[in-house]
Amino acid sequence: MKIAIVSQHLNGRSGHSRQALELASYLSRMGISSCVISINPTDLTAFSTSTPHSECAEKPSHDPLLCLNEKVGLWSHKRKEVEDVDLIHCFDISSAIAMKRYCQKRIRRRIPIVVSVTSTINLAPRDLLDAGPLSVLNLHRLVHVLKLIVPPCLTSYQLNGFDSVLCYSSFIRRHLLSSGVESDKVTRIGYGIDPTNLPQPQVDSRNSRVKLLYLGWGSSLRGTNDALDAFLLAQSQGFGGTLRFEIVGSHTVEEKLIVSNILESMRDHRSIRLNVGYNSRIRDAIADSDAVLLPFRSVYGYCHPPLSLLEPMLLGKPVISTQIGSIPEFVEHARTGLLAACHDIEGIAECISALASPQARDRIGQAGKYETMKVTDWGIISNHLLSCYEKVSRH
């Protein structure tokens, strides 16, 4: 069996990007051939599974680019690799639609297509209400406007046209079924993470000055301001520690306003740090922290489950988040992490203060690591995927 693994923006940074590249690596170890394809018109690259994941992400192949965008130019000499595949696994809906269209127009045989859905398929008005007034500023981007105005029934109609739909949480599975996706097409699988790609934790948990980390794009959807307000409240109540913001988003108007708010707070609080822009060593920043703080306000705008929570947990870092979406499926309050209600600044501050004790950080961090290892094991997940591939191929 030969698998084509396809997605946009396969740069080794985003959650779906790492999933695609790591899956190719594990399939290769199992003796299964695969071709990993990025179809982002601004960053088109075809990867070979003979290249290690880390090198593949940093040093893309310089071969002629494999492209699905007809405006850029249709395919290359690697077209043969795709036409010979037995199955196509896409890591986003847009890629799946493009691959299906290409197969219908250019390839004279039907190729089964499996698509992974990593988030809610539409932006609902409720998401904007949950996030607050600033979230409306996200609508200046066409992608968010389309997700708001396109009815879920249309997206579910598109998903029903594929052979199988994969998701990583029960929350997303329920969302897909309620949107009209056929139940026999939807399969929940684990969210694979290769621990060998993660750095070793460098922090001595006995350090009395706790280092908190917020990472991701700055947005009210992700509760960036809640993280800042809760930290300042905890600090006023005697919590001793620092909060580092790693803002790696798309630099929208909303994000610029949030960054301005953080900068204003930094004038009076030396315990706050800020970095804006992509940090190629973000995983080292996680390893150097004592805990990760991500108080999401809305189920829209993050992967389900968030890789920004799972990776710290695999490193034994306690996480603080909110009781929303798929997060409670992977974080059990006071055992494998700490959860507060959305918008609950006092509750989030209490969670921060609870991690002042090194014993609490060790206990929660190790419990979270143990549980996360069980649900992110690529060895188990790749076998599950193969069963799904074989079932789809038979039909």
Protein backbone atom coordinates (compact mmCIF):
# COMPACT_ATOMS: atom_id res chain seq x y z
CA MET A 1 0.00 0.00 0.00
CA LYS A 2 1.19 3.51 -0.85
CA ILE A 3 -0.28 6.52 0.97
CA ALA A 4 -0.32 10.17 -0.12
CA ILE A 5 -0.34 12.44 2.95
CA VAL A 6 -1.58 15.89 1.96
CA SER A 7 -2.16 19.24 3.66
CA GLN A 8 -1.57 22.96 3.44
CA HIS A 9 1.28 24.72 5.23
CA LEU A 10 3.40 21.64 5.92
CA ASN A 11 6.11 23.68 7.58
CA GLY A 12 6.69 21.50 10.65
CA ARG A 13 5.17 24.14 12.96
CA SER A 14 1.40 23.71 13.09
CA GLY A 15 -0.38 20.79 14.70
CA HIS A 16 -1.66 19.23 11.46
CA SER A 17 1.76 19.76 9.88
CA ARG A 18 3.53 17.76 12.59
CA GLN A 19 0.84 15.07 12.43
CA ALA A 20 1.35 14.62 8.69
CA LEU A 21 5.15 14.49 8.87
CA GLU A 22 5.29 12.21 11.90
CA LEU A 23 2.70 9.85 10.38
CA ALA A 24 4.86 9.52 7.26
CA SER A 25 7.83 8.70 9.45
CA TYR A 26 5.99 5.94 11.31
CA LEU A 27 4.52 4.47 8.13
CA SER A 28 8.05 4.32 6.73
CA ARG A 29 9.22 2.40 9.81
CA MET A 30 6.41 -0.08 9.16
CA GLY A 31 7.61 -0.55 5.58
CA ILE A 32 4.73 1.39 4.03
CA SER A 33 5.56 3.83 1.25
CA SER A 34 4.18 7.35 1.46
CA CYS A 35 4.48 10.70 -0.27
CA VAL A 36 4.00 13.83 1.86
CA ILE A 37 2.69 16.82 -0.07
CA SER A 38 2.21 20.46 0.85
CA ILE A 39 -0.20 22.28 -1.45
CA ASN A 40 0.13 25.79 -0.05
CA PRO A 41 0.73 27.92 -3.18
CA THR A 42 3.22 30.13 -1.32
CA ASP A 43 5.25 27.28 0.14
CA LEU A 44 4.95 24.28 -2.17
CA THR A 45 7.13 21.37 -1.25
CA ALA A 46 7.14 17.63 -1.85
CA PHE A 47 8.77 15.60 0.91
CA SER A 48 10.24 12.14 0.79
CA THR A 49 9.80 9.77 3.71
CA SER A 50 13.48 8.87 3.42
CA THR A 51 14.22 12.26 5.02
CA PRO A 52 14.02 12.35 8.84
CA HIS A 53 11.15 14.44 10.22
CA SER A 54 13.31 17.12 11.80
CA GLU A 55 15.42 17.60 8.68
CA CYS A 56 12.35 17.40 6.47
CA ALA A 57 10.71 20.31 8.26
CA GLU A 58 13.79 22.51 8.23
CA LYS A 59 15.27 21.58 4.85
CA PRO A 60 12.51 20.95 2.28
CA SER A 61 13.31 19.06 -0.88
CA HIS A 62 14.58 21.20 -3.76
CA ASP A 63 12.99 18.91 -6.34
CA PRO A 64 10.37 20.44 -8.67
CA LEU A 65 7.39 21.28 -6.51
CA LEU A 66 4.31 19.14 -6.29
CA CYS A 67 1.39 21.49 -6.67
CA LEU A 68 -2.40 21.30 -6.87
CA ASN A 69 -2.98 24.94 -7.70
CA GLU A 70 -3.55 25.28 -11.45
CA LYS A 71 -2.63 28.98 -11.34
CA VAL A 72 0.85 28.05 -10.14
CA GLY A 73 1.27 25.13 -12.49
CA LEU A 74 -0.20 21.64 -12.40
CA TRP A 75 2.09 19.01 -10.96
CA SER A 76 5.65 18.04 -11.74
CA HIS A 77 7.60 14.91 -12.52
CA LYS A 78 6.41 13.64 -9.10
CA ARG A 79 2.88 13.42 -10.49
CA LYS A 80 3.51 9.71 -11.07
CA GLU A 81 4.02 9.22 -7.32
CA VAL A 82 0.53 10.51 -6.59
CA GLU A 83 -1.17 8.65 -9.40
CA ASP A 84 0.27 5.38 -8.09
CA VAL A 85 -1.03 5.78 -4.54
CA ASP A 86 -3.65 3.48 -3.10
CA LEU A 87 -5.13 6.03 -0.70
CA ILE A 88 -4.97 9.77 0.04
CA HIS A 89 -5.01 11.07 3.63
CA CYS A 90 -5.67 14.82 3.88
CA PHE A 91 -5.13 16.80 7.07
CA ASP A 92 -7.54 19.62 6.27
CA ILE A 93 -10.82 19.92 4.39
CA SER A 94 -9.52 22.33 1.74
CA SER A 95 -6.78 19.89 0.69
CA ALA A 96 -9.27 17.04 0.58
CA ILE A 97 -11.59 19.00 -1.71
CA ALA A 98 -8.67 19.92 -3.99
CA MET A 99 -7.44 16.32 -4.15
CA LYS A 100 -10.92 15.00 -4.92
CA ARG A 101 -11.34 17.54 -7.70
CA TYR A 102 -7.96 16.64 -9.18
CA CYS A 103 -8.64 12.90 -9.03
CA GLN A 104 -11.96 13.43 -10.82
CA LYS A 105 -10.40 15.54 -13.57
CA ARG A 106 -6.96 14.02 -14.09
CA ILE A 107 -6.76 10.46 -12.77
CA ARG A 108 -8.68 7.71 -14.53
CA ARG A 109 -9.29 5.62 -11.44
CA ARG A 110 -10.94 6.29 -8.12
CA ILE A 111 -8.61 6.79 -5.14
CA PRO A 112 -10.11 6.61 -1.62
CA ILE A 113 -9.74 9.84 0.36
CA VAL A 114 -9.55 10.03 4.16
CA VAL A 115 -9.75 13.47 5.79
CA SER A 116 -8.78 14.46 9.34
CA VAL A 117 -10.94 17.14 10.96
CA THR A 118 -9.09 18.89 13.76
CA SER A 119 -11.52 21.65 14.71
CA THR A 120 -15.13 22.76 14.56
CA ILE A 121 -16.07 22.99 10.90
CA ASN A 122 -17.79 26.38 11.17
CA LEU A 123 -17.48 29.60 13.15
CA ALA A 124 -20.74 30.13 15.04
CA PRO A 125 -21.99 33.47 16.41
CA ARG A 126 -21.81 31.81 19.83
CA ASP A 127 -18.03 31.52 19.44
CA LEU A 128 -17.75 35.29 19.03
CA LEU A 129 -20.08 35.90 21.98
CA ASP A 130 -18.03 33.56 24.17
CA ALA A 131 -14.78 35.24 23.20
CA GLY A 132 -15.96 38.83 23.68
CA PRO A 133 -16.19 42.01 21.55
CA LEU A 134 -12.56 41.99 20.37
CA SER A 135 -13.08 38.65 18.62
CA VAL A 136 -15.21 40.38 15.95
CA LEU A 137 -11.95 41.87 14.63
CA ASN A 138 -11.04 38.36 13.36
CA LEU A 139 -13.69 38.79 10.69
CA HIS A 140 -11.40 40.99 8.61
CA ARG A 141 -9.88 37.70 7.39
CA LEU A 142 -11.83 35.99 4.61
CA VAL A 143 -11.24 32.50 6.03
CA HIS A 144 -13.12 33.39 9.22
CA VAL A 145 -15.93 35.15 7.34
CA LEU A 146 -16.47 32.06 5.18
CA LYS A 147 -16.57 29.82 8.24
CA LEU A 148 -19.22 32.12 9.71
CA ILE A 149 -21.51 32.41 6.67
CA VAL A 150 -21.16 28.93 5.13
CA PRO A 151 -23.90 26.73 6.66
CA PRO A 152 -22.69 23.60 8.48
CA CYS A 153 -24.89 21.46 6.21
CA LEU A 154 -22.76 22.44 3.21
CA THR A 155 -19.52 21.47 4.96
CA SER A 156 -21.05 18.21 6.18
CA TYR A 157 -22.22 17.51 2.61
CA GLN A 158 -18.63 17.87 1.45
CA LEU A 159 -17.35 15.61 4.24
CA ASN A 160 -19.91 12.94 3.39
CA GLY A 161 -18.37 12.84 -0.08
CA PHE A 162 -15.13 11.39 1.32
CA ASP A 163 -14.53 7.77 2.26
CA SER A 164 -13.70 8.34 5.91
CA VAL A 165 -13.60 11.26 8.36
CA LEU A 166 -11.16 11.09 11.26
CA CYS A 167 -11.22 13.20 14.42
CA TYR A 168 -9.18 13.36 17.62
CA SER A 169 -11.83 13.94 20.31
CA SER A 170 -15.35 12.93 21.29
CA PHE A 171 -16.27 16.61 21.27
CA ILE A 172 -15.44 16.94 17.56
CA ARG A 173 -17.14 13.63 16.81
CA ARG A 174 -20.37 14.90 18.40
CA HIS A 175 -20.00 18.17 16.50
CA LEU A 176 -19.59 16.35 13.18
CA LEU A 177 -22.60 14.10 13.79
CA SER A 178 -24.80 17.02 14.85
CA SER A 179 -23.74 18.86 11.68
CA GLY A 180 -24.99 16.02 9.52
CA VAL A 181 -21.88 13.91 8.83
CA GLU A 182 -22.82 10.23 8.50
CA SER A 183 -21.95 8.29 11.64
CA ASP A 184 -20.47 5.31 9.80
CA LYS A 185 -17.90 7.62 8.18
CA VAL A 186 -16.65 9.20 11.43
CA THR A 187 -13.86 7.53 13.40
CA ARG A 188 -12.10 8.88 16.46
CA ILE A 189 -8.38 8.15 16.63
CA GLY A 190 -5.57 9.24 18.93
CA TYR A 191 -3.48 12.37 18.41
CA GLY A 192 0.01 11.04 17.75
CA ILE A 193 3.09 12.85 19.08
CA ASP A 194 6.64 11.58 18.67
CA PRO A 195 8.37 12.27 22.03
CA THR A 196 11.81 11.98 20.39
CA ASN A 197 11.08 15.31 18.66
CA LEU A 198 10.62 17.04 22.00
CA PRO A 199 13.50 18.53 24.02
CA GLN A 200 14.34 17.33 27.49
CA PRO A 201 12.92 19.46 30.33
CA GLN A 202 15.60 21.75 31.75
CA VAL A 203 13.83 23.21 34.77
CA ASP A 204 14.42 22.35 38.42
CA SER A 205 10.89 22.14 39.82
CA ARG A 206 12.21 23.08 43.26
CA ASN A 207 12.81 26.62 42.01
CA SER A 208 10.56 28.89 44.11
CA ARG A 209 10.02 31.38 41.27
CA VAL A 210 7.50 29.68 38.99
CA LYS A 211 7.86 30.28 35.25
CA LEU A 212 4.52 30.29 33.42
CA LEU A 213 4.25 30.22 29.62
CA TYR A 214 1.49 31.34 27.27
CA LEU A 215 1.99 30.30 23.63
CA GLY A 216 0.02 30.70 20.43
CA TRP A 217 -1.67 33.54 18.61
CA GLY A 218 -2.87 36.44 20.71
CA SER A 219 -6.66 36.42 20.66
CA SER A 220 -9.66 36.72 22.94
CA LEU A 221 -10.70 33.36 21.46
CA ARG A 222 -7.68 31.89 23.25
CA GLY A 223 -8.12 33.99 26.39
CA THR A 224 -4.82 35.89 26.11
CA ASN A 225 -6.06 38.81 28.20
CA ASP A 226 -7.56 36.38 30.74
CA ALA A 227 -4.10 34.85 31.17
CA LEU A 228 -2.62 38.28 31.84
CA ASP A 229 -5.39 39.41 34.22
CA ALA A 230 -5.37 36.14 36.18
CA PHE A 231 -1.59 36.25 36.53
CA LEU A 232 -1.68 39.83 37.84
CA LEU A 233 -4.44 38.87 40.29
CA ALA A 234 -2.49 35.84 41.53
CA GLN A 235 0.59 38.01 41.91
CA SER A 236 -1.34 40.56 43.97
CA GLN A 237 -2.33 37.69 46.25
CA GLY A 238 1.28 36.66 46.87
CA PHE A 239 2.12 34.36 43.95
CA GLY A 240 5.80 34.62 43.07
CA GLY A 241 6.57 33.86 39.47
CA THR A 242 6.89 35.10 35.90
CA LEU A 243 4.64 34.92 32.86
CA ARG A 244 6.17 34.69 29.39
CA PHE A 245 4.02 35.36 26.33
CA GLU A 246 5.08 33.71 23.06
CA ILE A 247 2.71 35.33 20.57
CA VAL A 248 3.15 33.46 17.29
CA GLY A 249 -0.04 34.35 15.47
CA SER A 250 -0.96 36.16 12.29
CA HIS A 251 -0.58 39.68 13.74
CA THR A 252 -4.19 40.74 13.24
CA VAL A 253 -5.67 44.01 14.50
CA GLU A 254 -7.00 42.16 17.55
CA GLU A 255 -3.61 40.65 18.26
CA LYS A 256 -1.91 44.05 18.01
CA LEU A 257 -4.34 45.46 20.57
CA ILE A 258 -3.66 42.54 22.90
CA VAL A 259 0.11 42.95 22.50
CA SER A 260 -0.28 46.65 23.34
CA ASN A 261 -2.13 45.66 26.52
CA ILE A 262 0.69 43.29 27.50
CA LEU A 263 3.32 45.95 26.81
CA GLU A 264 1.40 48.39 29.00
CA SER A 265 1.39 45.87 31.85
CA MET A 266 5.11 45.24 31.41
CA ARG A 267 5.83 48.85 32.37
CA ASP A 268 4.70 48.16 35.94
CA HIS A 269 5.49 44.44 36.19
CA ARG A 270 8.96 43.14 35.46
CA SER A 271 7.70 39.59 35.92
CA ILE A 272 6.02 39.67 32.48
CA ARG A 273 7.97 38.77 29.33
CA LEU A 274 6.87 39.03 25.69
CA ASN A 275 8.07 37.71 22.35
CA VAL A 276 6.09 38.47 19.18
CA GLY A 277 6.71 36.44 16.04
CA TYR A 278 7.47 32.83 15.28
CA ASN A 279 10.02 31.31 17.63
CA SER A 280 11.80 28.36 16.02
CA ARG A 281 12.77 27.20 19.52
CA ILE A 282 9.27 27.31 20.96
CA ARG A 283 9.58 23.74 22.20
CA ASP A 284 12.68 24.75 24.14
CA ALA A 285 10.61 27.52 25.71
CA ILE A 286 8.08 24.88 26.81
CA ALA A 287 10.87 22.73 28.23
CA ASP A 288 12.27 25.72 30.11
CA SER A 289 8.92 26.62 31.70
CA ASP A 290 7.35 25.28 34.91
CA ALA A 291 3.77 25.32 33.62
CA VAL A 292 1.70 26.36 30.60
CA LEU A 293 -1.26 28.73 30.87
CA LEU A 294 -3.90 28.66 28.09
CA PRO A 295 -7.35 29.78 29.33
CA PHE A 296 -9.33 29.32 26.10
CA ARG A 297 -12.64 31.19 25.85
CA SER A 298 -14.05 29.59 22.69
CA VAL A 299 -14.01 26.18 21.02
CA TYR A 300 -13.17 27.90 17.73
CA GLY A 301 -9.58 28.75 16.83
CA TYR A 302 -7.64 25.84 18.29
CA CYS A 303 -6.98 22.23 17.41
CA HIS A 304 -8.98 19.58 19.26
CA PRO A 305 -7.14 18.62 21.38
CA PRO A 306 -4.67 21.54 21.46
CA LEU A 307 -1.12 20.47 20.68
CA SER A 308 -0.03 23.45 22.80
CA LEU A 309 -1.39 21.55 25.83
CA LEU A 310 -0.47 17.97 24.89
CA GLU A 311 3.22 18.66 24.22
CA PRO A 312 3.82 20.35 27.60
CA MET A 313 1.99 17.48 29.31
CA LEU A 314 4.27 14.98 27.55
CA LEU A 315 7.21 16.94 29.00
CA GLY A 316 5.77 16.63 32.49
CA LYS A 317 4.64 20.26 32.65
CA PRO A 318 1.38 21.01 34.49
CA VAL A 319 -1.13 22.89 32.34
CA ILE A 320 -3.80 25.42 33.29
CA SER A 321 -6.75 25.74 30.93
CA THR A 322 -10.54 25.99 30.84
CA GLN A 323 -13.49 23.60 30.86
CA ILE A 324 -14.30 23.96 27.18
CA GLY A 325 -14.50 21.81 24.05
CA SER A 326 -12.30 18.72 24.06
CA ILE A 327 -9.97 19.90 26.84
CA PRO A 328 -11.73 18.07 29.74
CA GLU A 329 -11.28 14.82 27.78
CA PHE A 330 -7.52 15.13 28.13
CA VAL A 331 -7.08 17.22 31.30
CA GLU A 332 -8.62 16.03 34.56
CA HIS A 333 -8.84 18.88 37.04
CA ALA A 334 -6.46 18.67 40.01
CA ARG A 335 -5.01 15.36 38.78
CA THR A 336 -3.49 15.73 35.31
CA GLY A 337 -3.88 19.51 35.05
CA LEU A 338 -5.90 22.44 36.36
CA LEU A 339 -9.15 23.71 34.81
CA ALA A 340 -11.26 26.76 35.47
CA ALA A 341 -14.48 28.04 33.94
CA CYS A 342 -14.18 30.31 30.89
CA HIS A 343 -13.89 34.02 31.76
CA ASP A 344 -13.33 33.09 35.43
CA ILE A 345 -10.33 35.27 36.24
CA GLU A 346 -10.46 34.41 39.94
CA GLY A 347 -10.67 30.70 39.19
CA ILE A 348 -7.73 30.87 36.79
CA ALA A 349 -5.76 32.84 39.39
CA GLU A 350 -6.49 30.13 41.98
CA CYS A 351 -5.12 27.52 39.56
CA ILE A 352 -1.97 29.61 39.12
CA SER A 353 -1.52 29.93 42.89
CA ALA A 354 -2.02 26.17 43.31
CA LEU A 355 1.18 25.60 41.32
CA ALA A 356 3.31 27.63 43.72
CA SER A 357 4.17 24.36 45.45
CA PRO A 358 6.91 22.33 43.70
CA GLN A 359 5.27 19.16 45.05
CA ALA A 360 2.00 20.07 43.35
CA ARG A 361 3.80 20.81 40.08
CA ASP A 362 5.62 17.48 40.21
CA ARG A 363 2.50 15.49 41.09
CA ILE A 364 0.26 17.05 38.44
CA GLY A 365 3.01 17.16 35.81
CA GLN A 366 3.91 13.48 36.16
CA ALA A 367 0.26 12.36 36.20
CA GLY A 368 -0.39 14.40 33.08
CA LYS A 369 2.67 12.95 31.36
CA TYR A 370 1.63 9.38 32.14
CA GLU A 371 -1.92 9.81 30.82
CA THR A 372 -0.84 11.77 27.74
CA MET A 373 1.72 9.12 26.77
CA LYS A 374 -1.08 6.56 26.62
CA VAL A 375 -3.22 8.57 24.17
CA THR A 376 -0.46 9.94 21.91
CA ASP A 377 1.47 6.72 21.20
CA TRP A 378 2.16 6.64 17.46
CA GLY A 379 2.76 2.88 17.61
CA ILE A 380 -0.87 2.30 18.61
CA ILE A 381 -2.30 5.11 16.49
CA SER A 382 -0.52 4.10 13.28
CA ASN A 383 -1.92 0.56 13.61
CA HIS A 384 -5.38 2.02 14.13
CA LEU A 385 -4.94 4.16 11.04
CA LEU A 386 -3.82 1.18 8.97
CA SER A 387 -6.99 -0.66 9.95
CA CYS A 388 -9.00 2.35 8.84
CA TYR A 389 -7.06 2.57 5.56
CA GLU A 390 -7.63 -1.12 4.82
CA LYS A 391 -11.33 -0.85 5.60
CA VAL A 392 -11.72 2.14 3.29
CA SER A 393 -9.69 0.47 0.53
CA ARG A 394 -11.90 -2.65 0.66
CA HIS A 395 -15.02 -0.58 0.11
